[in-house]
Amino acid sequence: MDPIHLRQLRAIAENLCTQANRHRENHNYLVAHALYGRALCVAQEIHTPENDRNFLVTRIRTDQQAVFEMLCPGERGVEKAALERAIR
């Protein structure tokens, strides 16, 4: 994949995260969770030998998990276990 395309994907993922963060700050958790999910899909398309992609994916998953816990406080254990498996 060419470097320009990789930068575009990263910019898209970062922009989606920014939008998700704004919705999260406004307590619109359902929209924030969906935006984090889309950002995660885009970030996973970035294939580089650097560790930068892994950091972005981990950060998005962490933010999405925090929003999920606000949406479904009783589901923490199940979703947290799934998140930990996905990170490994």
Protein backbone atom coordinates (compact mmCIF):
# COMPACT_ATOMS: atom_id res chain seq x y z
CA MET A 1 0.00 0.00 0.00
CA ASP A 2 1.41 3.38 -0.94
CA PRO A 3 2.28 5.95 1.77
CA ILE A 4 -0.34 8.46 0.62
CA HIS A 5 -3.13 5.91 0.99
CA LEU A 6 -1.84 4.95 4.45
CA ARG A 7 -1.85 8.61 5.53
CA GLN A 8 -5.38 9.00 4.21
CA LEU A 9 -6.59 5.98 6.18
CA ARG A 10 -4.90 7.26 9.32
CA ALA A 11 -6.47 10.71 8.84
CA ILE A 12 -9.92 9.14 8.39
CA ALA A 13 -9.51 7.04 11.54
CA GLU A 14 -8.28 10.06 13.54
CA ASN A 15 -11.16 12.23 12.27
CA LEU A 16 -13.70 9.57 13.23
CA CYS A 17 -12.13 9.40 16.69
CA THR A 18 -12.34 13.17 17.04
CA GLN A 19 -16.03 13.08 16.14
CA ALA A 20 -16.59 10.18 18.55
CA ASN A 21 -14.85 12.10 21.33
CA ARG A 22 -17.12 15.09 20.77
CA HIS A 23 -20.24 12.95 20.91
CA ARG A 24 -18.89 11.28 24.05
CA GLU A 25 -18.34 14.68 25.68
CA ASN A 26 -21.97 15.57 24.80
CA HIS A 27 -23.15 12.29 26.39
CA ASN A 28 -24.31 10.89 23.06
CA TYR A 29 -22.76 7.52 23.80
CA LEU A 30 -24.54 5.46 21.18
CA VAL A 31 -23.25 7.63 18.32
CA ALA A 32 -19.79 7.74 19.91
CA HIS A 33 -19.68 3.94 20.14
CA ALA A 34 -20.66 3.61 16.47
CA LEU A 35 -18.03 6.14 15.37
CA TYR A 36 -15.33 4.36 17.38
CA GLY A 37 -16.38 1.13 15.67
CA ARG A 38 -15.98 2.67 12.24
CA ALA A 39 -12.65 4.23 13.23
CA LEU A 40 -11.49 0.80 14.36
CA CYS A 41 -12.44 -0.74 11.01
CA VAL A 42 -10.46 1.90 9.15
CA ALA A 43 -7.45 1.69 11.51
CA GLN A 44 -7.28 -2.08 11.02
CA GLU A 45 -6.82 -1.53 7.28
CA ILE A 46 -3.52 0.27 7.94
CA HIS A 47 -0.78 -2.28 7.37
CA THR A 48 2.67 -0.92 8.17
CA PRO A 49 5.71 -2.51 9.79
CA GLU A 50 5.65 0.23 12.44
CA ASN A 51 3.95 -0.12 15.81
CA ASP A 52 1.97 3.08 15.23
CA ARG A 53 -1.07 1.22 13.86
CA ASN A 54 -1.24 -1.03 16.90
CA PHE A 55 -1.22 2.02 19.15
CA LEU A 56 -4.09 3.59 17.22
CA VAL A 57 -6.15 0.38 17.27
CA THR A 58 -5.53 -0.07 21.00
CA ARG A 59 -6.49 3.53 21.76
CA ILE A 60 -9.71 3.26 19.75
CA ARG A 61 -10.64 -0.02 21.43
CA THR A 62 -10.01 1.50 24.86
CA ASP A 63 -12.16 4.54 24.10
CA GLN A 64 -14.90 2.37 22.61
CA GLN A 65 -14.84 0.15 25.69
CA ALA A 66 -15.21 3.17 27.97
CA VAL A 67 -18.27 4.31 26.02
CA PHE A 68 -19.70 0.79 26.05
CA GLU A 69 -19.39 0.71 29.84
CA MET A 70 -21.37 3.95 30.01
CA LEU A 71 -24.06 2.45 27.77
CA CYS A 72 -24.23 -0.96 29.49
CA PRO A 73 -22.80 -0.80 33.01
CA GLY A 74 -23.83 -4.40 33.79
CA GLU A 75 -21.92 -5.87 30.83
CA ARG A 76 -18.40 -4.85 31.89
CA GLY A 77 -16.99 -8.31 32.50
CA VAL A 78 -18.16 -9.86 29.24
CA GLU A 79 -17.09 -6.99 26.99
CA LYS A 80 -13.80 -6.45 28.84
CA ALA A 81 -12.86 -10.10 28.33
CA ALA A 82 -13.66 -9.81 24.61
CA LEU A 83 -11.59 -6.63 24.37
CA GLU A 84 -8.60 -8.24 26.09
CA ARG A 85 -8.77 -11.21 23.69
CA ALA A 86 -8.92 -8.87 20.70
CA ILE A 87 -5.89 -6.88 21.84
CA ARG A 88 -3.71 -9.98 22.15
